[in-house]
């Protein structure tokens, strides 16, 4: 009697669940892409590239904060050098992040030659100014002729404290708390006065004038007292002590200059410092009764001509007095006489020129 083989029943195939269906849809959506120049770009690869770039940017911010904390905890660190390291570190991480992101997106580095050619064309058509400012910013960071915290004055009249050196421009804060973005190329190709490049102490000249007839020594005494009354004066004696110079003879005043060396804090505010010294000078001059002149014109009338005398005057004017004491008048009279004699000379004579 034969045996009856019993085959096991196949396991039931379960329908895909909602989670698996959703994952499949996400995978299909991430795999969707386009082909550009032999390179296939998908949504997933682009998102991955964006994520890599964000990681490098966040890492750059964290590293710069760590360097700031390190500089604050160690007072012997040069802040300008620390700022240069921060900017260079940011640029390096930005370049590495961009290259890595392109690799994740599926763009091989060998294909970047086409992109480099496009950049070259862009530089020729309008990006040369941006590239120039970027290179100028790198020059400023490496050369260190301009550092964060320096007080500078440009040829355009802009003056203030350097706050940041960006890729394209440098941010300057004026004494009125106004931020001005100056292109980096202006610092490289233009004339820049750096008030704090070598030494923070600077000399400033405050011009003022007094009336003619004033005692010079009294003016000097008053000006030195004014310099002593201003707290911005570096020292009161020695080679950098205040000085009083007589610089010229004006139309209505003796022109002086109060020459003072300023402290480091006052160097960055030349306008306010000049106003402070002017105030102290006015107080000191008034204390000693020294007159501060102002332009004026005086008209002196000696006599009015009588109309009857003018009517009876002879037709020919009288001969002027002999100007023997006036060299200029004597020369003019001599030239007139020579010209009259030459006009009466016979024909053919050579007239004086």
C-alpha atoms as a PDB file:
ATOM      1  CA  UNK A   1       0.000   0.000   0.000  1.00  0.00           C
ATOM      2  CA  UNK A   2       1.556   3.234  -1.072  1.00  0.00           C
ATOM      3  CA  UNK A   3       2.219   6.188   1.150  1.00  0.00           C
ATOM      4  CA  UNK A   4       0.406   9.471   0.714  1.00  0.00           C
ATOM      5  CA  UNK A   5       2.933  12.360   0.694  1.00  0.00           C
ATOM      6  CA  UNK A   6       1.668  15.410   2.373  1.00  0.00           C
ATOM      7  CA  UNK A   7       3.189  18.652   1.022  1.00  0.00           C
ATOM      8  CA  UNK A   8       3.434  21.577   3.477  1.00  0.00           C
ATOM      9  CA  UNK A   9       1.205  24.503   2.630  1.00  0.00           C
ATOM     10  CA  UNK A  10       3.055  27.602   1.382  1.00  0.00           C
ATOM     11  CA  UNK A  11       3.356  30.515   3.818  1.00  0.00           C
ATOM     12  CA  UNK A  12       0.920  33.263   3.102  1.00  0.00           C
ATOM     13  CA  UNK A  13       2.439  36.329   1.431  1.00  0.00           C
ATOM     14  CA  UNK A  14       1.643  39.379   3.496  1.00  0.00           C
ATOM     15  CA  UNK A  15       0.808  42.658   1.776  1.00  0.00           C
ATOM     16  CA  UNK A  16       3.332  45.473   2.180  1.00  0.00           C
ATOM     17  CA  UNK A  17       2.697  47.616   5.228  1.00  0.00           C
ATOM     18  CA  UNK A  18       2.309  51.391   5.266  1.00  0.00           C
ATOM     19  CA  UNK A  19       5.885  51.904   6.547  1.00  0.00           C
ATOM     20  CA  UNK A  20       7.439  49.866   3.758  1.00  0.00           C
ATOM     21  CA  UNK A  21       5.259  51.574   1.216  1.00  0.00           C
ATOM     22  CA  UNK A  22       6.312  55.005   2.500  1.00  0.00           C
ATOM     23  CA  UNK A  23      10.011  54.053   2.439  1.00  0.00           C
ATOM     24  CA  UNK A  24       9.642  52.870  -1.111  1.00  0.00           C
ATOM     25  CA  UNK A  25       8.057  56.116  -2.127  1.00  0.00           C
ATOM     26  CA  UNK A  26      10.835  58.117  -0.441  1.00  0.00           C
ATOM     27  CA  UNK A  27      13.504  55.990  -2.145  1.00  0.00           C
ATOM     28  CA  UNK A  28      11.801  56.504  -5.492  1.00  0.00           C
ATOM     29  CA  UNK A  29      11.600  60.234  -4.904  1.00  0.00           C
ATOM     30  CA  UNK A  30      15.251  60.468  -3.807  1.00  0.00           C
ATOM     31  CA  UNK A  31      16.341  58.467  -6.865  1.00  0.00           C
ATOM     32  CA  UNK A  32      14.626  60.887  -9.220  1.00  0.00           C
ATOM     33  CA  UNK A  33      17.080  63.041 -11.102  1.00  0.00           C
ATOM     34  CA  UNK A  34      18.311  64.452 -14.362  1.00  0.00           C
ATOM     35  CA  UNK A  35      21.408  63.942 -16.489  1.00  0.00           C
ATOM     36  CA  UNK A  36      23.496  67.012 -17.289  1.00  0.00           C
ATOM     37  CA  UNK A  37      26.613  66.663 -19.423  1.00  0.00           C
ATOM     38  CA  UNK A  38      27.023  62.977 -18.676  1.00  0.00           C
ATOM     39  CA  UNK A  39      26.541  63.526 -14.931  1.00  0.00           C
ATOM     40  CA  UNK A  40      23.387  62.246 -13.273  1.00  0.00           C
ATOM     41  CA  UNK A  41      22.151  64.428 -10.461  1.00  0.00           C
ATOM     42  CA  UNK A  42      19.526  63.030  -8.134  1.00  0.00           C
ATOM     43  CA  UNK A  43      17.507  64.573  -5.356  1.00  0.00           C
ATOM     44  CA  UNK A  44      19.211  62.330  -2.816  1.00  0.00           C
ATOM     45  CA  UNK A  45      22.704  63.251  -3.971  1.00  0.00           C
ATOM     46  CA  UNK A  46      21.887  66.961  -3.899  1.00  0.00           C
ATOM     47  CA  UNK A  47      20.452  66.696  -0.392  1.00  0.00           C
ATOM     48  CA  UNK A  48      23.544  64.792   0.721  1.00  0.00           C
ATOM     49  CA  UNK A  49      25.792  67.464  -0.779  1.00  0.00           C
ATOM     50  CA  UNK A  50      23.816  70.184   0.982  1.00  0.00           C
ATOM     51  CA  UNK A  51      24.101  68.306   4.266  1.00  0.00           C
ATOM     52  CA  UNK A  52      27.885  67.972   3.892  1.00  0.00           C
ATOM     53  CA  UNK A  53      28.218  71.665   3.128  1.00  0.00           C
ATOM     54  CA  UNK A  54      26.142  72.572   6.188  1.00  0.00           C
ATOM     55  CA  UNK A  55      28.322  70.341   8.386  1.00  0.00           C
ATOM     56  CA  UNK A  56      31.469  72.147   7.236  1.00  0.00           C
ATOM     57  CA  UNK A  57      29.886  75.573   7.740  1.00  0.00           C
ATOM     58  CA  UNK A  58      28.748  74.689  11.264  1.00  0.00           C
ATOM     59  CA  UNK A  59      32.197  73.240  11.977  1.00  0.00           C
ATOM     60  CA  UNK A  60      33.802  76.478  10.810  1.00  0.00           C
ATOM     61  CA  UNK A  61      31.598  78.515  13.155  1.00  0.00           C
ATOM     62  CA  UNK A  62      32.383  76.241  16.100  1.00  0.00           C
ATOM     63  CA  UNK A  63      36.135  76.344  15.466  1.00  0.00           C
ATOM     64  CA  UNK A  64      36.123  80.126  15.259  1.00  0.00           C
ATOM     65  CA  UNK A  65      34.241  80.336  18.543  1.00  0.00           C
ATOM     66  CA  UNK A  66      36.755  78.015  20.164  1.00  0.00           C
ATOM     67  CA  UNK A  67      39.593  80.196  18.900  1.00  0.00           C
ATOM     68  CA  UNK A  68      37.844  83.282  20.287  1.00  0.00           C
ATOM     69  CA  UNK A  69      37.517  81.678  23.701  1.00  0.00           C
ATOM     70  CA  UNK A  70      41.162  80.626  23.554  1.00  0.00           C
ATOM     71  CA  UNK A  71      42.221  84.181  22.718  1.00  0.00           C
ATOM     72  CA  UNK A  72      40.106  85.609  25.546  1.00  0.00           C
ATOM     73  CA  UNK A  73      41.517  83.192  28.107  1.00  0.00           C
ATOM     74  CA  UNK A  74      45.138  83.778  27.009  1.00  0.00           C
ATOM     75  CA  UNK A  75      45.873  87.500  27.079  1.00  0.00           C
ATOM     76  CA  UNK A  76      49.317  87.094  25.504  1.00  0.00           C
ATOM     77  CA  UNK A  77      47.819  86.001  22.170  1.00  0.00           C
ATOM     78  CA  UNK A  78      48.031  88.544  19.348  1.00  0.00           C
ATOM     79  CA  UNK A  79      44.420  89.276  18.445  1.00  0.00           C
ATOM     80  CA  UNK A  80      45.191  90.309  14.872  1.00  0.00           C
ATOM     81  CA  UNK A  81      47.047  87.026  14.231  1.00  0.00           C
ATOM     82  CA  UNK A  82      44.174  85.108  15.788  1.00  0.00           C
ATOM     83  CA  UNK A  83      41.718  86.890  13.502  1.00  0.00           C
ATOM     84  CA  UNK A  84      43.866  86.022  10.463  1.00  0.00           C
ATOM     85  CA  UNK A  85      43.895  82.350  11.459  1.00  0.00           C
ATOM     86  CA  UNK A  86      40.117  82.397  11.874  1.00  0.00           C
ATOM     87  CA  UNK A  87      39.479  83.878   8.435  1.00  0.00           C
ATOM     88  CA  UNK A  88      41.915  81.508   6.703  1.00  0.00           C
ATOM     89  CA  UNK A  89      40.439  78.523   8.539  1.00  0.00           C
ATOM     90  CA  UNK A  90      36.977  79.574   7.413  1.00  0.00           C
ATOM     91  CA  UNK A  91      38.086  79.854   3.777  1.00  0.00           C
ATOM     92  CA  UNK A  92      39.877  76.461   3.862  1.00  0.00           C
ATOM     93  CA  UNK A  93      36.894  74.667   5.378  1.00  0.00           C
ATOM     94  CA  UNK A  94      34.587  76.356   2.908  1.00  0.00           C
ATOM     95  CA  UNK A  95      36.670  75.130  -0.045  1.00  0.00           C
ATOM     96  CA  UNK A  96      36.951  71.596   1.345  1.00  0.00           C
ATOM     97  CA  UNK A  97      33.225  71.518   2.045  1.00  0.00           C
ATOM     98  CA  UNK A  98      32.357  72.631  -1.468  1.00  0.00           C
ATOM     99  CA  UNK A  99      34.644  70.020  -3.062  1.00  0.00           C
ATOM    100  CA  UNK A 100      33.306  67.258  -0.820  1.00  0.00           C
ATOM    101  CA  UNK A 101      29.735  68.301  -1.501  1.00  0.00           C
ATOM    102  CA  UNK A 102      30.365  68.150  -5.239  1.00  0.00           C
ATOM    103  CA  UNK A 103      31.812  64.662  -4.812  1.00  0.00           C
ATOM    104  CA  UNK A 104      28.742  63.537  -2.860  1.00  0.00           C
ATOM    105  CA  UNK A 105      26.488  65.037  -5.508  1.00  0.00           C
ATOM    106  CA  UNK A 106      28.196  62.855  -8.116  1.00  0.00           C
ATOM    107  CA  UNK A 107      30.238  65.533  -9.823  1.00  0.00           C
ATOM    108  CA  UNK A 108      33.812  64.213 -10.281  1.00  0.00           C
ATOM    109  CA  UNK A 109      36.693  66.564  -9.759  1.00  0.00           C
ATOM    110  CA  UNK A 110      37.929  65.856 -13.297  1.00  0.00           C
ATOM    111  CA  UNK A 111      34.761  67.486 -14.622  1.00  0.00           C
ATOM    112  CA  UNK A 112      35.620  70.730 -12.798  1.00  0.00           C
ATOM    113  CA  UNK A 113      37.736  71.874 -15.745  1.00  0.00           C
ATOM    114  CA  UNK A 114      34.546  72.941 -17.483  1.00  0.00           C
ATOM    115  CA  UNK A 115      33.473  74.785 -14.360  1.00  0.00           C
ATOM    116  CA  UNK A 116      36.886  76.469 -14.125  1.00  0.00           C
ATOM    117  CA  UNK A 117      36.517  77.602 -17.719  1.00  0.00           C
ATOM    118  CA  UNK A 118      33.105  79.065 -16.903  1.00  0.00           C
ATOM    119  CA  UNK A 119      34.630  80.932 -13.955  1.00  0.00           C
ATOM    120  CA  UNK A 120      37.319  82.328 -16.252  1.00  0.00           C
ATOM    121  CA  UNK A 121      34.684  83.607 -18.649  1.00  0.00           C
ATOM    122  CA  UNK A 122      32.766  85.111 -15.730  1.00  0.00           C
ATOM    123  CA  UNK A 123      35.876  86.889 -14.494  1.00  0.00           C
ATOM    124  CA  UNK A 124      36.272  88.413 -17.925  1.00  0.00           C
ATOM    125  CA  UNK A 125      32.676  89.638 -18.065  1.00  0.00           C
ATOM    126  CA  UNK A 126      32.056  91.084 -14.641  1.00  0.00           C
ATOM    127  CA  UNK A 127      33.475  89.075 -11.745  1.00  0.00           C
ATOM    128  CA  UNK A 128      36.930  90.621 -11.953  1.00  0.00           C
ATOM    129  CA  UNK A 129      35.981  93.231  -9.343  1.00  0.00           C
ATOM    130  CA  UNK A 130      34.830  90.537  -6.892  1.00  0.00           C
ATOM    131  CA  UNK A 131      37.933  88.446  -7.544  1.00  0.00           C
ATOM    132  CA  UNK A 132      40.122  91.540  -7.120  1.00  0.00           C
ATOM    133  CA  UNK A 133      38.523  92.334  -3.768  1.00  0.00           C
ATOM    134  CA  UNK A 134      38.923  88.714  -2.636  1.00  0.00           C
ATOM    135  CA  UNK A 135      42.637  88.667  -3.496  1.00  0.00           C
ATOM    136  CA  UNK A 136      43.050  92.093  -1.877  1.00  0.00           C
ATOM    137  CA  UNK A 137      41.454  90.749   1.295  1.00  0.00           C
ATOM    138  CA  UNK A 138      43.943  87.866   1.364  1.00  0.00           C
ATOM    139  CA  UNK A 139      46.791  90.347   0.877  1.00  0.00           C
ATOM    140  CA  UNK A 140      45.558  92.395   3.828  1.00  0.00           C
ATOM    141  CA  UNK A 141      45.343  89.294   6.018  1.00  0.00           C
ATOM    142  CA  UNK A 142      48.836  88.048   5.148  1.00  0.00           C
ATOM    143  CA  UNK A 143      50.594  91.417   4.920  1.00  0.00           C
ATOM    144  CA  UNK A 144      49.071  92.640   8.200  1.00  0.00           C
ATOM    145  CA  UNK A 145      49.414  96.263   7.174  1.00  0.00           C
ATOM    146  CA  UNK A 146      45.751  96.571   8.161  1.00  0.00           C
ATOM    147  CA  UNK A 147      44.465  94.769  11.225  1.00  0.00           C
ATOM    148  CA  UNK A 148      41.207  94.561  13.097  1.00  0.00           C
ATOM    149  CA  UNK A 149      41.154  97.376  15.638  1.00  0.00           C
ATOM    150  CA  UNK A 150      43.292  99.811  13.633  1.00  0.00           C
ATOM    151  CA  UNK A 151      42.121 103.384  13.205  1.00  0.00           C
ATOM    152  CA  UNK A 152      42.458 104.292   9.516  1.00  0.00           C
ATOM    153  CA  UNK A 153      41.729 107.253   7.273  1.00  0.00           C
ATOM    154  CA  UNK A 154      41.152 106.805   3.538  1.00  0.00           C
ATOM    155  CA  UNK A 155      41.844 109.228   0.723  1.00  0.00           C
ATOM    156  CA  UNK A 156      38.077 109.591   0.257  1.00  0.00           C
ATOM    157  CA  UNK A 157      37.787 111.095   3.753  1.00  0.00           C
ATOM    158  CA  UNK A 158      36.355 107.998   5.457  1.00  0.00           C
ATOM    159  CA  UNK A 159      37.955 107.364   8.838  1.00  0.00           C
ATOM    160  CA  UNK A 160      37.128 104.910  11.571  1.00  0.00           C
ATOM    161  CA  UNK A 161      38.053 101.641  13.287  1.00  0.00           C
ATOM    162  CA  UNK A 162      38.457  98.408  11.317  1.00  0.00           C
ATOM    163  CA  UNK A 163      35.960  95.876  12.625  1.00  0.00           C
ATOM    164  CA  UNK A 164      36.005  92.986  10.110  1.00  0.00           C
ATOM    165  CA  UNK A 165      37.799  91.998   6.908  1.00  0.00           C
ATOM    166  CA  UNK A 166      35.346  90.068   4.755  1.00  0.00           C
ATOM    167  CA  UNK A 167      35.798  88.356   1.381  1.00  0.00           C
ATOM    168  CA  UNK A 168      34.686  91.391  -0.628  1.00  0.00           C
ATOM    169  CA  UNK A 169      34.882  94.397   1.686  1.00  0.00           C
ATOM    170  CA  UNK A 170      36.175  95.653   5.028  1.00  0.00           C
ATOM    171  CA  UNK A 171      33.775  96.999   7.641  1.00  0.00           C
ATOM    172  CA  UNK A 172      34.793 100.297   9.234  1.00  0.00           C
ATOM    173  CA  UNK A 173      32.927 101.831  12.173  1.00  0.00           C
ATOM    174  CA  UNK A 174      33.162 105.605  12.427  1.00  0.00           C
ATOM    175  CA  UNK A 175      33.154 107.561  15.675  1.00  0.00           C
ATOM    176  CA  UNK A 176      29.452 108.253  15.045  1.00  0.00           C
ATOM    177  CA  UNK A 177      28.812 104.476  15.206  1.00  0.00           C
ATOM    178  CA  UNK A 178      28.144 104.262  11.462  1.00  0.00           C
ATOM    179  CA  UNK A 179      29.313 101.116   9.661  1.00  0.00           C
ATOM    180  CA  UNK A 180      30.864 101.658   6.232  1.00  0.00           C
ATOM    181  CA  UNK A 181      31.760  98.789   3.874  1.00  0.00           C
ATOM    182  CA  UNK A 182      34.876  99.684   1.894  1.00  0.00           C
ATOM    183  CA  UNK A 183      36.058  97.390  -0.965  1.00  0.00           C
ATOM    184  CA  UNK A 184      39.285  95.610  -0.116  1.00  0.00           C
ATOM    185  CA  UNK A 185      40.920  96.780  -3.338  1.00  0.00           C
ATOM    186  CA  UNK A 186      40.735 100.394  -2.104  1.00  0.00           C
ATOM    187  CA  UNK A 187      43.067  99.533   0.771  1.00  0.00           C
ATOM    188  CA  UNK A 188      45.587  97.912  -1.588  1.00  0.00           C
ATOM    189  CA  UNK A 189      45.584 100.376  -4.488  1.00  0.00           C
ATOM    190  CA  UNK A 190      44.631 103.602  -2.667  1.00  0.00           C
ATOM    191  CA  UNK A 191      46.294 105.769  -0.051  1.00  0.00           C
ATOM    192  CA  UNK A 192      45.485 104.721   3.510  1.00  0.00           C
ATOM    193  CA  UNK A 193      46.577 106.505   6.684  1.00  0.00           C
ATOM    194  CA  UNK A 194      46.864 103.968   9.488  1.00  0.00           C
ATOM    195  CA  UNK A 195      46.995 105.907  12.736  1.00  0.00           C
ATOM    196  CA  UNK A 196      47.773 102.817  14.845  1.00  0.00           C
ATOM    197  CA  UNK A 197      50.078 100.766  12.600  1.00  0.00           C
ATOM    198  CA  UNK A 198      53.288 101.060  14.638  1.00  0.00           C
ATOM    199  CA  UNK A 199      52.529 103.037  17.775  1.00  0.00           C
ATOM    200  CA  UNK A 200      49.283 104.235  19.268  1.00  0.00           C
ATOM    201  CA  UNK A 201      50.609 107.633  20.450  1.00  0.00           C
ATOM    202  CA  UNK A 202      50.161 110.393  17.863  1.00  0.00           C
ATOM    203  CA  UNK A 203      50.814 114.137  17.685  1.00  0.00           C
ATOM    204  CA  UNK A 204      48.051 116.614  16.898  1.00  0.00           C
ATOM    205  CA  UNK A 205      48.225 120.334  16.083  1.00  0.00           C
ATOM    206  CA  UNK A 206      45.483 122.699  17.254  1.00  0.00           C
ATOM    207  CA  UNK A 207      45.578 126.042  15.389  1.00  0.00           C
ATOM    208  CA  UNK A 208      44.406 129.288  17.013  1.00  0.00           C
ATOM    209  CA  UNK A 209      45.001 133.003  16.616  1.00  0.00           C
ATOM    210  CA  UNK A 210      45.364 136.061  18.867  1.00  0.00           C
ATOM    211  CA  UNK A 211      45.297 139.777  18.225  1.00  0.00           C
ATOM    212  CA  UNK A 212      48.378 141.671  17.169  1.00  0.00           C
ATOM    213  CA  UNK A 213      50.240 143.240  20.064  1.00  0.00           C
ATOM    214  CA  UNK A 214      49.656 140.309  22.423  1.00  0.00           C
ATOM    215  CA  UNK A 215      52.621 139.110  24.445  1.00  0.00           C
ATOM    216  CA  UNK A 216      53.880 135.842  22.955  1.00  0.00           C
ATOM    217  CA  UNK A 217      55.039 134.482  26.279  1.00  0.00           C
ATOM    218  CA  UNK A 218      51.621 135.092  27.783  1.00  0.00           C
ATOM    219  CA  UNK A 219      50.022 133.236  24.860  1.00  0.00           C
ATOM    220  CA  UNK A 220      52.401 130.325  25.420  1.00  0.00           C
ATOM    221  CA  UNK A 221      51.606 130.234  29.131  1.00  0.00           C
ATOM    222  CA  UNK A 222      47.862 130.173  28.468  1.00  0.00           C
ATOM    223  CA  UNK A 223      48.168 127.460  25.784  1.00  0.00           C
ATOM    224  CA  UNK A 224      50.273 125.212  28.011  1.00  0.00           C
ATOM    225  CA  UNK A 225      47.721 125.574  30.800  1.00  0.00           C
ATOM    226  CA  UNK A 226      45.021 124.578  28.324  1.00  0.00           C
ATOM    227  CA  UNK A 227      47.021 121.475  27.334  1.00  0.00           C
ATOM    228  CA  UNK A 228      47.435 120.542  30.993  1.00  0.00           C
ATOM    229  CA  UNK A 229      43.690 120.901  31.558  1.00  0.00           C
ATOM    230  CA  UNK A 230      42.839 118.319  28.871  1.00  0.00           C
ATOM    231  CA  UNK A 231      43.222 114.708  30.050  1.00  0.00           C
ATOM    232  CA  UNK A 232      44.189 113.483  26.580  1.00  0.00           C
ATOM    233  CA  UNK A 233      47.676 115.029  26.754  1.00  0.00           C
ATOM    234  CA  UNK A 234      50.270 112.257  26.883  1.00  0.00           C
ATOM    235  CA  UNK A 235      52.800 114.061  29.107  1.00  0.00           C
ATOM    236  CA  UNK A 236      53.566 117.564  30.328  1.00  0.00           C
ATOM    237  CA  UNK A 237      57.335 117.621  29.850  1.00  0.00           C
ATOM    238  CA  UNK A 238      60.102 115.860  27.976  1.00  0.00           C
ATOM    239  CA  UNK A 239      60.447 115.413  24.202  1.00  0.00           C
ATOM    240  CA  UNK A 240      56.713 114.732  23.896  1.00  0.00           C
ATOM    241  CA  UNK A 241      55.532 117.550  26.071  1.00  0.00           C
ATOM    242  CA  UNK A 242      53.151 120.239  24.734  1.00  0.00           C
ATOM    243  CA  UNK A 243      54.625 122.968  22.558  1.00  0.00           C
ATOM    244  CA  UNK A 244      53.364 126.318  21.272  1.00  0.00           C
ATOM    245  CA  UNK A 245      54.430 127.370  17.771  1.00  0.00           C
ATOM    246  CA  UNK A 246      54.066 130.764  16.109  1.00  0.00           C
ATOM    247  CA  UNK A 247      53.253 129.608  12.569  1.00  0.00           C
ATOM    248  CA  UNK A 248      52.426 132.817  10.701  1.00  0.00           C
ATOM    249  CA  UNK A 249      51.197 136.374  10.558  1.00  0.00           C
ATOM    250  CA  UNK A 250      47.605 136.493   9.365  1.00  0.00           C
ATOM    251  CA  UNK A 251      45.591 139.417   8.126  1.00  0.00           C
ATOM    252  CA  UNK A 252      44.158 140.152  11.534  1.00  0.00           C
ATOM    253  CA  UNK A 253      45.862 137.741  13.920  1.00  0.00           C
ATOM    254  CA  UNK A 254      49.054 136.096  15.046  1.00  0.00           C
ATOM    255  CA  UNK A 255      48.673 132.446  14.084  1.00  0.00           C
ATOM    256  CA  UNK A 256      49.734 129.867  16.695  1.00  0.00           C
ATOM    257  CA  UNK A 257      49.552 126.108  16.991  1.00  0.00           C
ATOM    258  CA  UNK A 258      49.258 124.064  20.150  1.00  0.00           C
ATOM    259  CA  UNK A 259      51.225 120.871  19.465  1.00  0.00           C
ATOM    260  CA  UNK A 260      50.383 117.968  21.779  1.00  0.00           C
ATOM    261  CA  UNK A 261      50.987 114.245  21.885  1.00  0.00           C
ATOM    262  CA  UNK A 262      47.793 112.274  22.473  1.00  0.00           C
ATOM    263  CA  UNK A 263      47.178 109.202  24.565  1.00  0.00           C
ATOM    264  CA  UNK A 264      46.227 105.896  22.954  1.00  0.00           C
ATOM    265  CA  UNK A 265      42.551 106.334  23.764  1.00  0.00           C
ATOM    266  CA  UNK A 266      42.369 109.804  22.240  1.00  0.00           C
ATOM    267  CA  UNK A 267      44.151 108.885  19.007  1.00  0.00           C
ATOM    268  CA  UNK A 268      41.041 107.242  17.584  1.00  0.00           C
ATOM    269  CA  UNK A 269      38.855 110.339  18.040  1.00  0.00           C
ATOM    270  CA  UNK A 270      40.680 113.289  16.423  1.00  0.00           C
ATOM    271  CA  UNK A 271      37.559 115.410  15.949  1.00  0.00           C
ATOM    272  CA  UNK A 272      36.405 115.230  19.557  1.00  0.00           C
ATOM    273  CA  UNK A 273      39.937 115.759  20.823  1.00  0.00           C
ATOM    274  CA  UNK A 274      40.365 118.913  18.737  1.00  0.00           C
ATOM    275  CA  UNK A 275      37.077 120.240  20.124  1.00  0.00           C
ATOM    276  CA  UNK A 276      38.258 119.545  23.682  1.00  0.00           C
ATOM    277  CA  UNK A 277      41.504 121.454  23.168  1.00  0.00           C
ATOM    278  CA  UNK A 278      39.685 124.354  21.517  1.00  0.00           C
ATOM    279  CA  UNK A 279      37.385 124.589  24.532  1.00  0.00           C
ATOM    280  CA  UNK A 280      40.343 124.591  26.934  1.00  0.00           C
ATOM    281  CA  UNK A 281      42.174 127.172  24.809  1.00  0.00           C
ATOM    282  CA  UNK A 282      39.191 129.525  24.832  1.00  0.00           C
ATOM    283  CA  UNK A 283      38.936 129.237  28.607  1.00  0.00           C
ATOM    284  CA  UNK A 284      42.653 129.886  29.132  1.00  0.00           C
ATOM    285  CA  UNK A 285      42.788 132.862  26.734  1.00  0.00           C
ATOM    286  CA  UNK A 286      39.793 134.466  28.427  1.00  0.00           C
ATOM    287  CA  UNK A 287      41.447 133.914  31.798  1.00  0.00           C
ATOM    288  CA  UNK A 288      44.449 136.041  30.790  1.00  0.00           C
ATOM    289  CA  UNK A 289      42.402 138.569  28.848  1.00  0.00           C
ATOM    290  CA  UNK A 290      43.904 137.630  25.492  1.00  0.00           C
ATOM    291  CA  UNK A 291      41.764 138.812  22.595  1.00  0.00           C
ATOM    292  CA  UNK A 292      40.739 136.388  19.886  1.00  0.00           C
ATOM    293  CA  UNK A 293      40.451 138.530  16.726  1.00  0.00           C
ATOM    294  CA  UNK A 294      37.965 138.256  13.910  1.00  0.00           C
ATOM    295  CA  UNK A 295      38.245 139.595  10.348  1.00  0.00           C
ATOM    296  CA  UNK A 296      37.184 143.222  10.115  1.00  0.00           C
ATOM    297  CA  UNK A 297      37.655 146.243   7.875  1.00  0.00           C
ATOM    298  CA  UNK A 298      38.011 149.842   9.112  1.00  0.00           C
ATOM    299  CA  UNK A 299      37.300 152.844   6.831  1.00  0.00           C
ATOM    300  CA  UNK A 300      38.941 156.109   7.860  1.00  0.00           C
ATOM    301  CA  UNK A 301      37.620 159.307   6.159  1.00  0.00           C
ATOM    302  CA  UNK A 302      40.039 162.194   6.581  1.00  0.00           C
ATOM    303  CA  UNK A 303      37.988 164.902   4.815  1.00  0.00           C
ATOM    304  CA  UNK A 304      35.209 165.329   2.290  1.00  0.00           C
ATOM    305  CA  UNK A 305      36.043 167.441  -0.859  1.00  0.00           C
ATOM    306  CA  UNK A 306      34.261 170.811  -1.122  1.00  0.00           C
ATOM    307  CA  UNK A 307      32.275 171.150  -4.351  1.00  0.00           C
ATOM    308  CA  UNK A 308      33.203 174.840  -4.673  1.00  0.00           C
ATOM    309  CA  UNK A 309      36.889 174.104  -4.318  1.00  0.00           C
ATOM    310  CA  UNK A 310      36.605 171.315  -6.878  1.00  0.00           C
ATOM    311  CA  UNK A 311      34.847 173.648  -9.349  1.00  0.00           C
ATOM    312  CA  UNK A 312      37.511 176.376  -9.036  1.00  0.00           C
ATOM    313  CA  UNK A 313      40.384 173.949  -9.342  1.00  0.00           C
ATOM    314  CA  UNK A 314      42.701 174.535 -12.340  1.00  0.00           C
ATOM    315  CA  UNK A 315      42.294 172.386 -15.417  1.00  0.00           C
ATOM    316  CA  UNK A 316      45.817 170.985 -15.184  1.00  0.00           C
ATOM    317  CA  UNK A 317      46.535 169.025 -12.026  1.00  0.00           C
ATOM    318  CA  UNK A 318      49.451 169.938  -9.860  1.00  0.00           C
ATOM    319  CA  UNK A 319      52.662 167.973 -10.055  1.00  0.00           C
ATOM    320  CA  UNK A 320      52.788 165.183  -7.500  1.00  0.00           C
ATOM    321  CA  UNK A 321      55.435 165.377  -4.822  1.00  0.00           C
ATOM    322  CA  UNK A 322      58.804 163.859  -5.407  1.00  0.00           C
ATOM    323  CA  UNK A 323      58.551 160.207  -4.386  1.00  0.00           C
ATOM    324  CA  UNK A 324      62.218 159.988  -3.442  1.00  0.00           C
ATOM    325  CA  UNK A 325      61.514 157.802  -0.425  1.00  0.00           C
ATOM    326  CA  UNK A 326      59.319 155.287  -2.253  1.00  0.00           C
ATOM    327  CA  UNK A 327      61.355 152.958  -4.421  1.00  0.00           C
ATOM    328  CA  UNK A 328      58.387 151.561  -6.297  1.00  0.00           C
ATOM    329  CA  UNK A 329      56.981 155.007  -7.077  1.00  0.00           C
ATOM    330  CA  UNK A 330      60.441 156.231  -8.158  1.00  0.00           C
ATOM    331  CA  UNK A 331      60.790 153.310 -10.570  1.00  0.00           C
ATOM    332  CA  UNK A 332      57.364 154.007 -12.079  1.00  0.00           C
ATOM    333  CA  UNK A 333      58.259 157.695 -12.559  1.00  0.00           C
ATOM    334  CA  UNK A 334      61.541 156.764 -14.227  1.00  0.00           C
ATOM    335  CA  UNK A 335      59.826 154.390 -16.649  1.00  0.00           C
ATOM    336  CA  UNK A 336      57.290 157.084 -17.579  1.00  0.00           C
ATOM    337  CA  UNK A 337      60.076 159.599 -18.254  1.00  0.00           C
ATOM    338  CA  UNK A 338      61.988 157.130 -20.403  1.00  0.00           C
ATOM    339  CA  UNK A 339      58.885 156.338 -22.438  1.00  0.00           C
ATOM    340  CA  UNK A 340      58.227 160.080 -23.022  1.00  0.00           C
ATOM    341  CA  UNK A 341      61.827 160.655 -24.130  1.00  0.00           C
ATOM    342  CA  UNK A 342      61.670 157.726 -26.516  1.00  0.00           C
ATOM    343  CA  UNK A 343      58.511 159.031 -28.145  1.00  0.00           C
ATOM    344  CA  UNK A 344      60.272 162.379 -28.915  1.00  0.00           C
ATOM    345  CA  UNK A 345      63.386 160.767 -30.424  1.00  0.00           C
ATOM    346  CA  UNK A 346      64.088 161.310 -34.203  1.00  0.00           C
ATOM    347  CA  UNK A 347      62.893 158.789 -36.780  1.00  0.00           C
ATOM    348  CA  UNK A 348      65.032 155.711 -37.123  1.00  0.00           C
ATOM    349  CA  UNK A 349      66.045 155.686 -33.516  1.00  0.00           C
ATOM    350  CA  UNK A 350      65.577 152.404 -31.718  1.00  0.00           C
ATOM    351  CA  UNK A 351      62.875 152.715 -29.092  1.00  0.00           C
ATOM    352  CA  UNK A 352      63.491 151.048 -25.796  1.00  0.00           C
ATOM    353  CA  UNK A 353      61.459 147.938 -25.172  1.00  0.00           C
END
